[in-house]
């Protein structure tokens, strides 16, 4: 039994890591394109559902698409109804991907691994390197599923396992709850459903138990984004709560139906594992068909359960523990956590300034200014805290780390100033003078803005993990950002040559916004330099290139 548990745990761990590997590869190489495409597709509900479905199939995660949608909701880039349909469509895409991965294509593992490793060695081409990461992840998913089947096949005849299976067959509610806990603990409904399907394929669970586990996993998958987004604005929480209400209601209805329907009779002629995955697809298809025409119904119900945002910022919160100053190691960790809070606040400012170029909002202006005051306070207190740290007996490494933290803090404060002072002033001026960007110009600005948001998210990951590969990517993105900004400047000049009246009227403000976004991106890049210097990845002031 111990050997079985070790084998099964290893297989599930490999499955979780492989799913994350695929998602990370897509995020690192194509996140800005995914964000841009999703925002464009969210102009009506049908295309929003299709966009969510395709994005989830690419990223192997409906939760990842939900997190992207939360940024769109917070910045008012898409309507809550479109966001809810996008999230529901994403879960359908994740379910379809589960069916693809459950196909008997084990023979593709060597091909995927070989192609993935070859592409991953192409270090000069970032997109190909991440595509290789995705192929390796797909191969490892198939390998993990095979390991789960191999682990569970001989244990199905075990007396203890039979007793557990018999108990769950008589208590489908417990199986439903177990499925929800499985999806929540894995932080992936896709991984949970694939695991349940593998159990069913080897006879470890009966058809009704597998169906209850799948229904529970669908509900547990909806809880994940609610947990991750619990501290966001009310609009975001209303949408994710609406998704949970819709998904939970259908999952409970499905559980009740199991007491009256024979699952094999519902899906005759299918192998047990395939039946579980097909039920998962049918569940999400029915949910999509229910939400697509009436998203407002679920949003209105959700609004009654979600509290309003607090009126004031919690300015008294701080990660700077004064008692930790005596221990430089703990003090540096506290300062780093405060920088994370600072970076997240700047990210929130960046997200909220974008809609002001389409329509002025005085309340949004007030929120951005309050956030900028919070960043100034955190910057000031962080520098004082670090100065107290430097008064202690520090090693050379710790002394260098404190200087690096100050550099990153200065960069974040500079980015906040550019948003609250410069970008906000441009939006206010456009509103006062009734000037607007051309349609092409606004799309260009939003495209660049999406790239900066993606890089800001990457910078926060670099601050958290200190991963040299992520730091290298962040600096490489700075070079790509420079090229993109130049191309967009050329597009703007072409519109001026064509004497476009809206481009002529807004030319100074358009070019200033492009410049400011590039500078904000550079400010976030400061998080990568200390890590790359320590790793010896710099040659002078430029990144070294691997042969």
Protein backbone atom coordinates (compact mmCIF):
# COMPACT_ATOMS: atom_id res chain seq x y z
CA UNK A 1 0.00 0.00 0.00
CA UNK A 2 2.86 2.40 0.81
CA UNK A 3 4.44 1.73 -2.57
CA UNK A 4 1.09 2.41 -4.24
CA UNK A 5 0.71 5.75 -2.41
CA UNK A 6 4.23 6.84 -3.34
CA UNK A 7 3.70 5.85 -6.99
CA UNK A 8 0.31 7.58 -7.17
CA UNK A 9 1.52 10.72 -5.38
CA UNK A 10 4.48 10.99 -7.73
CA UNK A 11 2.23 10.59 -10.77
CA UNK A 12 -0.22 13.27 -9.56
CA UNK A 13 2.67 15.60 -8.68
CA UNK A 14 4.10 15.14 -12.18
CA UNK A 15 0.67 15.85 -13.67
CA UNK A 16 0.33 19.10 -11.71
CA UNK A 17 3.85 20.21 -12.63
CA UNK A 18 3.34 19.36 -16.30
CA UNK A 19 0.09 21.36 -16.49
CA UNK A 20 1.90 24.30 -14.89
CA UNK A 21 4.78 23.87 -17.35
CA UNK A 22 2.43 24.26 -20.32
CA UNK A 23 0.72 27.29 -18.78
CA UNK A 24 4.03 28.96 -17.93
CA UNK A 25 5.32 28.49 -21.47
CA UNK A 26 2.25 30.14 -22.96
CA UNK A 27 2.36 32.98 -20.42
CA UNK A 28 6.03 33.73 -20.96
CA UNK A 29 5.93 33.73 -24.75
CA UNK A 30 2.45 34.79 -25.76
CA UNK A 31 0.71 36.48 -22.82
CA UNK A 32 0.46 39.91 -24.44
CA UNK A 33 -1.03 38.37 -27.60
CA UNK A 34 -3.49 36.34 -25.50
CA UNK A 35 -4.57 39.43 -23.57
CA UNK A 36 -4.98 41.48 -26.74
CA UNK A 37 -6.93 38.74 -28.49
CA UNK A 38 -9.24 38.15 -25.55
CA UNK A 39 -10.03 41.84 -25.19
CA UNK A 40 -10.86 42.09 -28.90
CA UNK A 41 -13.08 39.00 -28.78
CA UNK A 42 -15.04 40.23 -25.76
CA UNK A 43 -17.03 42.75 -27.80
CA UNK A 44 -19.97 40.33 -27.89
CA UNK A 45 -20.91 37.33 -25.79
CA UNK A 46 -20.55 34.60 -28.40
CA UNK A 47 -17.02 35.58 -29.41
CA UNK A 48 -16.16 36.07 -25.71
CA UNK A 49 -17.13 32.45 -25.00
CA UNK A 50 -15.14 31.25 -28.01
CA UNK A 51 -12.13 33.34 -26.98
CA UNK A 52 -12.20 31.95 -23.45
CA UNK A 53 -12.46 28.41 -24.81
CA UNK A 54 -9.45 28.82 -27.12
CA UNK A 55 -7.35 30.57 -24.45
CA UNK A 56 -8.03 27.84 -21.90
CA UNK A 57 -7.12 25.12 -24.42
CA UNK A 58 -3.82 26.91 -25.03
CA UNK A 59 -3.03 27.60 -21.38
CA UNK A 60 -4.41 24.31 -19.99
CA UNK A 61 -6.20 26.31 -17.31
CA UNK A 62 -9.55 28.01 -16.96
CA UNK A 63 -8.28 29.67 -13.77
CA UNK A 64 -5.49 31.43 -15.69
CA UNK A 65 -8.06 32.87 -18.11
CA UNK A 66 -10.18 33.98 -15.15
CA UNK A 67 -7.21 35.88 -13.72
CA UNK A 68 -6.71 37.63 -17.07
CA UNK A 69 -10.41 38.47 -17.18
CA UNK A 70 -10.18 39.95 -13.68
CA UNK A 71 -7.69 42.51 -14.97
CA UNK A 72 -10.07 43.43 -17.80
CA UNK A 73 -12.94 43.87 -15.32
CA UNK A 74 -10.87 45.99 -12.94
CA UNK A 75 -9.83 48.31 -15.78
CA UNK A 76 -13.38 48.41 -17.22
CA UNK A 77 -11.97 47.10 -20.53
CA UNK A 78 -14.86 44.64 -20.86
CA UNK A 79 -18.37 44.49 -19.41
CA UNK A 80 -19.05 42.11 -16.48
CA UNK A 81 -21.51 40.11 -18.63
CA UNK A 82 -18.83 39.50 -21.29
CA UNK A 83 -16.32 38.61 -18.57
CA UNK A 84 -18.65 36.00 -17.07
CA UNK A 85 -19.26 34.43 -20.48
CA UNK A 86 -15.49 34.48 -21.10
CA UNK A 87 -14.86 32.58 -17.85
CA UNK A 88 -17.56 30.00 -18.55
CA UNK A 89 -16.23 29.51 -22.08
CA UNK A 90 -12.74 29.03 -20.64
CA UNK A 91 -13.94 26.17 -18.46
CA UNK A 92 -15.51 24.54 -21.52
CA UNK A 93 -12.19 24.86 -23.34
CA UNK A 94 -10.38 23.28 -20.39
CA UNK A 95 -12.88 20.38 -20.49
CA UNK A 96 -12.31 19.87 -24.22
CA UNK A 97 -8.57 19.83 -23.61
CA UNK A 98 -9.08 17.12 -20.98
CA UNK A 99 -10.68 14.96 -23.67
CA UNK A 100 -7.76 15.53 -26.04
CA UNK A 101 -5.23 14.61 -23.36
CA UNK A 102 -7.18 11.48 -22.42
CA UNK A 103 -6.97 10.07 -25.94
CA UNK A 104 -4.79 6.95 -26.31
CA UNK A 105 -1.83 8.84 -27.77
CA UNK A 106 0.95 7.56 -25.52
CA UNK A 107 3.06 6.88 -28.61
CA UNK A 108 3.30 10.66 -29.12
CA UNK A 109 5.33 11.09 -25.90
CA UNK A 110 8.79 10.46 -27.46
CA UNK A 111 8.03 12.78 -30.39
CA UNK A 112 6.77 15.57 -28.12
CA UNK A 113 9.74 15.21 -25.78
CA UNK A 114 12.29 15.20 -28.60
CA UNK A 115 10.76 18.20 -30.35
CA UNK A 116 10.32 20.04 -27.05
CA UNK A 117 13.92 19.56 -25.95
CA UNK A 118 15.27 20.62 -29.36
CA UNK A 119 13.17 23.79 -29.33
CA UNK A 120 14.01 24.50 -25.69
CA UNK A 121 17.71 24.61 -26.58
CA UNK A 122 17.01 27.49 -28.99
CA UNK A 123 17.95 30.08 -26.40
CA UNK A 124 18.30 32.95 -28.88
CA UNK A 125 14.64 32.61 -29.88
CA UNK A 126 12.50 33.13 -26.79
CA UNK A 127 9.22 32.12 -28.45
CA UNK A 128 10.65 28.81 -29.74
CA UNK A 129 12.21 28.09 -26.35
CA UNK A 130 8.83 28.50 -24.63
CA UNK A 131 7.10 26.47 -27.37
CA UNK A 132 9.53 23.69 -26.50
CA UNK A 133 8.53 24.06 -22.85
CA UNK A 134 4.87 23.61 -23.87
CA UNK A 135 5.62 20.44 -25.86
CA UNK A 136 7.60 18.97 -22.97
CA UNK A 137 4.69 19.77 -20.65
CA UNK A 138 2.21 18.01 -22.94
CA UNK A 139 4.46 14.94 -23.09
CA UNK A 140 4.75 14.85 -19.30
CA UNK A 141 0.97 15.14 -18.90
CA UNK A 142 0.53 12.03 -21.05
CA UNK A 143 3.31 10.30 -19.13
CA UNK A 144 1.72 11.20 -15.77
CA UNK A 145 -1.67 9.87 -16.86
CA UNK A 146 -0.02 6.58 -17.85
CA UNK A 147 1.67 6.44 -14.42
CA UNK A 148 -1.66 7.00 -12.66
CA UNK A 149 -3.24 4.14 -14.63
CA UNK A 150 -0.27 1.88 -13.93
CA UNK A 151 -0.42 2.67 -10.20
CA UNK A 152 -4.17 2.16 -9.80
CA UNK A 153 -4.67 -0.94 -11.98
CA UNK A 154 -3.24 -3.53 -9.52
CA UNK A 155 -4.70 -1.89 -6.42
CA UNK A 156 -8.33 -2.05 -7.59
CA UNK A 157 -8.67 -5.55 -6.10
CA UNK A 158 -7.35 -4.50 -2.67
CA UNK A 159 -9.89 -5.09 0.15
CA UNK A 160 -9.39 -1.63 1.67
CA UNK A 161 -9.81 0.07 -1.69
CA UNK A 162 -12.92 -1.97 -2.39
CA UNK A 163 -14.37 -0.97 0.98
CA UNK A 164 -13.75 2.73 0.29
CA UNK A 165 -15.25 2.41 -3.21
CA UNK A 166 -18.30 0.63 -1.79
CA UNK A 167 -18.78 3.36 0.82
CA UNK A 168 -18.56 6.14 -1.78
CA UNK A 169 -21.00 4.27 -4.04
CA UNK A 170 -23.53 4.49 -1.21
CA UNK A 171 -22.69 8.08 -0.32
CA UNK A 172 -22.41 10.14 -3.50
CA UNK A 173 -22.50 13.39 -1.51
CA UNK A 174 -19.17 12.47 0.11
CA UNK A 175 -17.76 11.67 -3.35
CA UNK A 176 -19.00 15.07 -4.58
CA UNK A 177 -17.30 16.87 -1.68
CA UNK A 178 -14.14 14.80 -2.21
CA UNK A 179 -14.06 15.87 -5.89
CA UNK A 180 -14.40 19.53 -4.89
CA UNK A 181 -11.58 19.20 -2.35
CA UNK A 182 -9.41 17.41 -4.92
CA UNK A 183 -9.80 20.21 -7.49
CA UNK A 184 -9.25 22.92 -4.88
CA UNK A 185 -6.15 21.27 -3.40
CA UNK A 186 -4.68 20.70 -6.88
CA UNK A 187 -5.62 24.26 -7.91
CA UNK A 188 -6.62 22.75 -11.25
CA UNK A 189 -9.97 21.24 -12.22
CA UNK A 190 -8.28 19.89 -15.38
CA UNK A 191 -5.76 17.88 -13.36
CA UNK A 192 -8.48 16.71 -10.96
CA UNK A 193 -10.78 15.47 -13.74
CA UNK A 194 -7.92 13.70 -15.53
CA UNK A 195 -7.01 11.98 -12.25
CA UNK A 196 -10.61 10.89 -11.65
CA UNK A 197 -10.88 9.64 -15.24
CA UNK A 198 -7.71 7.58 -14.77
CA UNK A 199 -9.18 6.06 -11.59
CA UNK A 200 -12.38 5.20 -13.46
CA UNK A 201 -10.47 3.69 -16.40
CA UNK A 202 -8.78 1.15 -14.10
CA UNK A 203 -11.99 0.25 -12.24
CA UNK A 204 -10.96 2.00 -9.03
CA UNK A 205 -14.29 3.88 -8.96
CA UNK A 206 -17.73 2.99 -10.26
CA UNK A 207 -19.49 5.14 -12.86
CA UNK A 208 -21.77 7.00 -10.36
CA UNK A 209 -18.84 7.72 -8.02
CA UNK A 210 -16.70 9.00 -10.90
CA UNK A 211 -19.59 11.21 -12.03
CA UNK A 212 -20.01 12.63 -8.53
CA UNK A 213 -16.26 13.29 -8.30
CA UNK A 214 -16.34 15.10 -11.66
CA UNK A 215 -19.30 17.25 -10.62
CA UNK A 216 -17.60 18.11 -7.35
CA UNK A 217 -14.37 18.95 -9.18
CA UNK A 218 -16.26 21.44 -11.32
CA UNK A 219 -17.53 23.19 -8.21
CA UNK A 220 -14.10 23.07 -6.55
CA UNK A 221 -12.55 24.59 -9.67
CA UNK A 222 -14.84 27.61 -9.32
CA UNK A 223 -13.71 28.15 -5.72
CA UNK A 224 -10.05 28.57 -6.79
CA UNK A 225 -10.40 32.01 -8.49
CA UNK A 226 -12.69 33.17 -5.67
CA UNK A 227 -9.86 32.48 -3.22
CA UNK A 228 -7.17 34.06 -5.41
CA UNK A 229 -9.24 37.19 -6.14
CA UNK A 230 -10.79 37.72 -2.70
CA UNK A 231 -8.89 40.97 -2.19
CA UNK A 232 -9.79 42.59 -5.52
CA UNK A 233 -12.48 45.17 -6.33
CA UNK A 234 -16.18 44.46 -5.99
CA UNK A 235 -16.82 44.20 -9.76
CA UNK A 236 -14.26 41.40 -10.05
CA UNK A 237 -15.65 39.57 -7.03
CA UNK A 238 -19.21 39.84 -8.35
CA UNK A 239 -18.20 38.13 -11.62
CA UNK A 240 -16.24 35.27 -10.04
CA UNK A 241 -18.99 34.75 -7.46
CA UNK A 242 -21.57 34.63 -10.27
CA UNK A 243 -19.47 31.91 -11.93
CA UNK A 244 -19.38 29.98 -8.65
CA UNK A 245 -23.15 30.32 -8.16
CA UNK A 246 -23.88 29.12 -11.69
CA UNK A 247 -21.37 26.27 -11.54
CA UNK A 248 -22.33 25.25 -8.02
CA UNK A 249 -26.07 25.23 -8.80
CA UNK A 250 -25.58 23.00 -11.84
CA UNK A 251 -23.18 20.73 -9.92
CA UNK A 252 -25.75 20.27 -7.13
CA UNK A 253 -28.48 19.63 -9.71
CA UNK A 254 -26.22 17.04 -11.35
CA UNK A 255 -25.61 15.36 -8.01
CA UNK A 256 -29.35 15.11 -7.37
CA UNK A 257 -29.83 13.66 -10.85
CA UNK A 258 -27.30 10.91 -10.07
CA UNK A 259 -29.67 9.51 -7.47
CA UNK A 260 -32.32 8.95 -10.17
CA UNK A 261 -30.30 8.29 -13.34
CA UNK A 262 -28.00 5.45 -14.31
CA UNK A 263 -24.75 7.01 -15.53
CA UNK A 264 -23.96 4.20 -18.01
CA UNK A 265 -27.47 4.60 -19.43
CA UNK A 266 -26.83 8.31 -19.86
CA UNK A 267 -23.64 7.77 -21.87
CA UNK A 268 -23.85 4.19 -23.22
CA UNK A 269 -21.05 2.50 -25.10
CA UNK A 270 -18.24 4.56 -23.57
CA UNK A 271 -15.28 3.27 -21.60
CA UNK A 272 -15.42 4.35 -17.93
CA UNK A 273 -12.59 6.89 -18.09
CA UNK A 274 -13.88 8.37 -21.34
CA UNK A 275 -17.38 8.56 -19.82
CA UNK A 276 -16.06 10.66 -16.91
CA UNK A 277 -14.31 13.12 -19.25
CA UNK A 278 -17.36 13.28 -21.55
CA UNK A 279 -19.57 14.08 -18.56
CA UNK A 280 -17.17 16.91 -17.70
CA UNK A 281 -17.55 18.31 -21.23
CA UNK A 282 -21.35 17.99 -21.15
CA UNK A 283 -21.51 19.75 -17.78
CA UNK A 284 -19.55 22.74 -19.08
CA UNK A 285 -21.44 22.81 -22.38
CA UNK A 286 -24.78 22.95 -20.55
CA UNK A 287 -23.42 25.66 -18.24
CA UNK A 288 -22.26 27.72 -21.22
CA UNK A 289 -25.67 27.41 -22.89
CA UNK A 290 -27.35 28.54 -19.65
CA UNK A 291 -25.09 31.53 -18.97
CA UNK A 292 -24.64 32.77 -22.54
CA UNK A 293 -28.16 34.22 -23.00
CA UNK A 294 -28.70 35.31 -19.37
CA UNK A 295 -25.43 36.40 -17.70
CA UNK A 296 -27.23 39.29 -15.99
CA UNK A 297 -29.39 36.84 -14.06
CA UNK A 298 -26.36 35.30 -12.36
CA UNK A 299 -24.60 38.65 -11.91
CA UNK A 300 -27.63 40.17 -10.18
CA UNK A 301 -27.89 37.19 -7.85
CA UNK A 302 -24.17 37.39 -7.10
CA UNK A 303 -24.35 41.11 -6.29
CA UNK A 304 -26.51 40.32 -3.24
CA UNK A 305 -23.73 38.19 -1.72
CA UNK A 306 -20.70 40.42 -2.40
CA UNK A 307 -19.88 43.23 -0.01
CA UNK A 308 -19.01 46.71 -1.23
CA UNK A 309 -15.41 47.88 -1.40
CA UNK A 310 -14.10 49.66 1.69
CA UNK A 311 -14.15 53.44 1.40
CA UNK A 312 -10.57 53.97 2.48
CA UNK A 313 -7.23 52.30 1.89
CA UNK A 314 -5.78 50.25 4.69
CA UNK A 315 -2.81 52.55 5.08
CA UNK A 316 -1.83 51.06 8.42
CA UNK A 317 -0.85 47.74 6.83
CA UNK A 318 2.86 47.18 6.38
CA UNK A 319 5.26 44.26 6.01
CA UNK A 320 8.04 46.26 7.70
CA UNK A 321 8.32 44.58 11.10
CA UNK A 322 10.41 46.83 13.40
CA UNK A 323 11.33 43.86 15.61
CA UNK A 324 12.99 42.13 12.63
CA UNK A 325 15.63 44.84 12.21
CA UNK A 326 17.88 43.12 14.75
CA UNK A 327 18.08 40.09 12.44
CA UNK A 328 19.24 41.32 9.00
CA UNK A 329 18.02 38.16 7.28
CA UNK A 330 14.46 38.65 8.53
CA UNK A 331 14.62 42.41 8.01
CA UNK A 332 15.60 42.02 4.35
CA UNK A 333 12.74 39.55 3.88
CA UNK A 334 10.31 42.09 5.37
CA UNK A 335 11.62 44.82 3.06
CA UNK A 336 11.22 42.53 0.08
CA UNK A 337 7.60 41.77 1.02
CA UNK A 338 6.91 45.50 1.29
CA UNK A 339 8.33 45.95 -2.21
CA UNK A 340 5.88 43.29 -3.39
CA UNK A 341 3.01 45.31 -1.91
CA UNK A 342 4.42 48.41 -3.55
CA UNK A 343 4.65 46.67 -6.93
CA UNK A 344 1.10 45.34 -6.69
CA UNK A 345 -0.16 48.85 -5.92
CA UNK A 346 1.65 50.27 -8.96
CA UNK A 347 0.14 47.47 -11.05
CA UNK A 348 -3.32 48.46 -9.84
CA UNK A 349 -2.62 52.07 -10.86
CA UNK A 350 -1.46 50.94 -14.29
CA UNK A 351 -4.59 48.87 -14.86
CA UNK A 352 -6.95 51.65 -13.78
CA UNK A 353 -5.42 54.42 -15.90
CA UNK A 354 -6.04 52.73 -19.25
CA UNK A 355 -9.85 53.22 -19.46
CA UNK A 356 -9.43 56.98 -18.88
CA UNK A 357 -8.22 57.40 -22.46
CA UNK A 358 -11.58 56.16 -23.71
CA UNK A 359 -13.81 57.93 -21.19
CA UNK A 360 -12.92 60.19 -18.28
CA UNK A 361 -13.86 58.98 -14.80
CA UNK A 362 -13.30 61.31 -11.84
CA UNK A 363 -13.71 58.46 -9.34
CA UNK A 364 -10.99 56.46 -11.08
CA UNK A 365 -8.73 59.52 -10.95
CA UNK A 366 -9.31 59.80 -7.20
CA UNK A 367 -8.50 56.09 -6.71
CA UNK A 368 -5.27 56.38 -8.68
CA UNK A 369 -4.20 59.41 -6.66
CA UNK A 370 -4.93 57.58 -3.39
CA UNK A 371 -2.87 54.62 -4.59
CA UNK A 372 -0.02 56.94 -5.55
CA UNK A 373 -0.04 58.39 -2.03
CA UNK A 374 0.17 54.84 -0.66
CA UNK A 375 3.15 54.10 -2.94
CA UNK A 376 4.89 57.29 -1.76
CA UNK A 377 4.34 56.27 1.86
CA UNK A 378 5.65 52.73 1.27
CA UNK A 379 8.66 54.11 -0.59
CA UNK A 380 9.50 56.54 2.23
CA UNK A 381 9.04 53.97 5.00
CA UNK A 382 10.98 51.31 3.09
CA UNK A 383 14.00 53.57 2.70
CA UNK A 384 13.95 54.46 6.40
CA UNK A 385 13.61 50.79 7.30
CA UNK A 386 16.51 49.79 5.06
CA UNK A 387 18.66 52.58 6.51
CA UNK A 388 18.03 51.09 9.97
CA UNK A 389 19.00 47.69 8.62
CA UNK A 390 22.25 49.06 7.24
CA UNK A 391 23.13 50.37 10.70
CA UNK A 392 23.34 46.73 11.84
CA UNK A 393 26.31 44.45 11.29
CA UNK A 394 25.64 43.25 7.73
CA UNK A 395 27.63 40.89 5.56
CA UNK A 396 28.80 42.11 2.16
CA UNK A 397 26.01 40.12 0.51
CA UNK A 398 23.35 41.59 2.80
CA UNK A 399 24.68 45.10 2.29
CA UNK A 400 24.47 44.63 -1.47
CA UNK A 401 20.92 43.29 -1.16
CA UNK A 402 19.78 46.39 0.73
CA UNK A 403 21.15 48.66 -2.01
CA UNK A 404 19.40 46.54 -4.63
CA UNK A 405 16.09 46.80 -2.74
CA UNK A 406 16.41 50.60 -2.64
CA UNK A 407 17.02 50.64 -6.41
CA UNK A 408 13.90 48.56 -7.05
CA UNK A 409 11.86 50.74 -4.67
CA UNK A 410 13.02 53.88 -6.47
CA UNK A 411 12.01 52.37 -9.80
CA UNK A 412 8.53 51.47 -8.55
CA UNK A 413 8.01 54.94 -7.06
CA UNK A 414 9.12 56.47 -10.36
CA UNK A 415 6.62 54.30 -12.25
CA UNK A 416 3.84 55.39 -9.88
CA UNK A 417 4.73 59.04 -10.48
CA UNK A 418 4.63 58.62 -14.25
CA UNK A 419 1.16 57.09 -13.99
CA UNK A 420 -0.35 59.48 -11.43
CA UNK A 421 1.34 62.68 -12.62
CA UNK A 422 2.03 62.31 -16.34
CA UNK A 423 -0.43 59.75 -17.72
CA UNK A 424 -3.28 61.04 -15.59
CA UNK A 425 -2.55 64.61 -16.70
CA UNK A 426 -2.74 63.59 -20.37
CA UNK A 427 -6.09 61.86 -19.87
CA UNK A 428 -7.41 64.88 -17.95
CA UNK A 429 -6.22 67.25 -20.69
CA UNK A 430 -7.89 65.14 -23.39
CA UNK A 431 -11.13 65.25 -21.44
CA UNK A 432 -10.92 69.01 -20.90
CA UNK A 433 -10.16 69.76 -24.56
CA UNK A 434 -12.53 67.08 -25.92
CA UNK A 435 -9.67 65.42 -27.83
CA UNK A 436 -9.62 61.69 -28.54
CA UNK A 437 -7.14 59.30 -30.09
CA UNK A 438 -7.84 57.73 -33.46
CA UNK A 439 -9.17 54.18 -33.39
CA UNK A 440 -5.85 52.79 -34.64
CA UNK A 441 -3.89 54.97 -32.22
CA UNK A 442 -5.95 53.86 -29.24
CA UNK A 443 -5.54 50.20 -30.22
CA UNK A 444 -1.77 50.72 -30.45
CA UNK A 445 -1.65 52.29 -26.99
CA UNK A 446 -3.72 49.51 -25.47
CA UNK A 447 -1.52 46.91 -27.14
CA UNK A 448 1.59 48.50 -25.61
CA UNK A 449 -0.23 48.83 -22.29
CA UNK A 450 -1.00 45.09 -22.29
CA UNK A 451 2.68 44.30 -22.86
CA UNK A 452 3.67 46.53 -19.92
CA UNK A 453 1.05 44.86 -17.69
CA UNK A 454 2.41 41.41 -18.61
CA UNK A 455 5.97 42.52 -17.88
CA UNK A 456 4.87 44.06 -14.58
CA UNK A 457 3.37 40.71 -13.60
CA UNK A 458 6.60 38.99 -14.59
CA UNK A 459 8.58 41.48 -12.51
CA UNK A 460 6.50 40.62 -9.44
CA UNK A 461 7.30 36.97 -10.05
CA UNK A 462 11.00 37.81 -10.30
CA UNK A 463 10.84 39.66 -6.98
CA UNK A 464 9.15 36.67 -5.38
CA UNK A 465 11.23 33.79 -6.74
CA UNK A 466 14.52 35.35 -7.84
CA UNK A 467 14.49 32.99 -10.86
CA UNK A 468 17.37 33.94 -13.25
CA UNK A 469 15.47 32.63 -16.29
CA UNK A 470 12.51 34.90 -15.52
CA UNK A 471 14.90 37.80 -14.86
CA UNK A 472 16.61 37.20 -18.20
CA UNK A 473 13.24 37.15 -19.93
CA UNK A 474 12.23 40.42 -18.23
CA UNK A 475 15.33 42.21 -19.51
CA UNK A 476 14.91 40.65 -22.94
CA UNK A 477 11.36 41.96 -22.97
CA UNK A 478 12.77 45.44 -22.41
CA UNK A 479 14.59 45.20 -25.75
CA UNK A 480 11.44 43.91 -27.45
CA UNK A 481 9.51 46.75 -25.85
CA UNK A 482 11.90 49.26 -27.39
CA UNK A 483 11.36 47.80 -30.85
CA UNK A 484 7.58 47.69 -30.41
CA UNK A 485 7.48 51.31 -29.26
CA UNK A 486 9.47 52.38 -32.33
CA UNK A 487 7.12 50.49 -34.66
CA UNK A 488 4.10 52.12 -33.05
CA UNK A 489 5.75 55.54 -33.37
CA UNK A 490 6.24 54.85 -37.08
CA UNK A 491 2.58 53.87 -37.44
CA UNK A 492 1.58 57.14 -35.79
CA UNK A 493 3.83 59.15 -38.12
CA UNK A 494 2.24 57.39 -41.10
CA UNK A 495 -1.20 58.50 -39.88
CA UNK A 496 0.13 62.06 -39.63
CA UNK A 497 1.39 61.83 -43.20
CA UNK A 498 -2.11 60.78 -44.23
CA UNK A 499 -3.38 63.97 -42.52
CA UNK A 500 -5.75 62.10 -40.22
CA UNK A 501 -7.46 64.88 -38.26
CA UNK A 502 -7.85 62.88 -35.03
CA UNK A 503 -4.18 61.81 -35.17
CA UNK A 504 -3.03 65.39 -35.82
CA UNK A 505 -5.05 66.73 -32.88
CA UNK A 506 -3.72 64.14 -30.42
CA UNK A 507 -0.18 63.66 -31.78
CA UNK A 508 1.74 65.10 -28.82
CA UNK A 509 -0.33 63.23 -26.26
CA UNK A 510 -0.13 59.96 -28.21
CA UNK A 511 3.65 60.04 -28.51
CA UNK A 512 4.02 61.07 -24.87
CA UNK A 513 1.90 58.09 -23.78
CA UNK A 514 4.07 55.71 -25.81
CA UNK A 515 7.19 57.16 -24.20
CA UNK A 516 5.73 56.97 -20.69
CA UNK A 517 4.67 53.35 -21.09
CA UNK A 518 8.18 52.44 -22.23
CA UNK A 519 9.65 54.21 -19.20
CA UNK A 520 7.23 52.49 -16.81
CA UNK A 521 8.25 49.15 -18.32
CA UNK A 522 11.90 50.05 -17.70
CA UNK A 523 11.11 50.85 -14.05
CA UNK A 524 9.73 47.34 -13.53
CA UNK A 525 12.80 45.87 -15.23
CA UNK A 526 14.99 47.05 -12.32
CA UNK A 527 13.80 43.98 -10.41
CA UNK A 528 15.80 41.74 -12.76
CA UNK A 529 19.22 43.42 -12.74
CA UNK A 530 20.48 42.28 -9.29
CA UNK A 531 19.56 38.66 -10.02
CA UNK A 532 21.28 38.66 -13.42
CA UNK A 533 24.39 40.36 -12.06
CA UNK A 534 24.69 37.75 -9.34
CA UNK A 535 24.22 34.99 -11.93
CA UNK A 536 26.91 36.52 -14.17
CA UNK A 537 24.41 37.03 -17.00
CA UNK A 538 25.55 40.54 -17.88
CA UNK A 539 28.38 41.56 -20.18
CA UNK A 540 28.94 45.22 -19.52
CA UNK A 541 25.50 46.76 -19.65
CA UNK A 542 23.95 44.16 -21.97
CA UNK A 543 22.76 40.59 -21.61
CA UNK A 544 25.28 37.94 -22.60
CA UNK A 545 24.24 35.71 -25.48
CA UNK A 546 24.64 31.95 -25.23
CA UNK A 547 26.35 30.24 -28.10
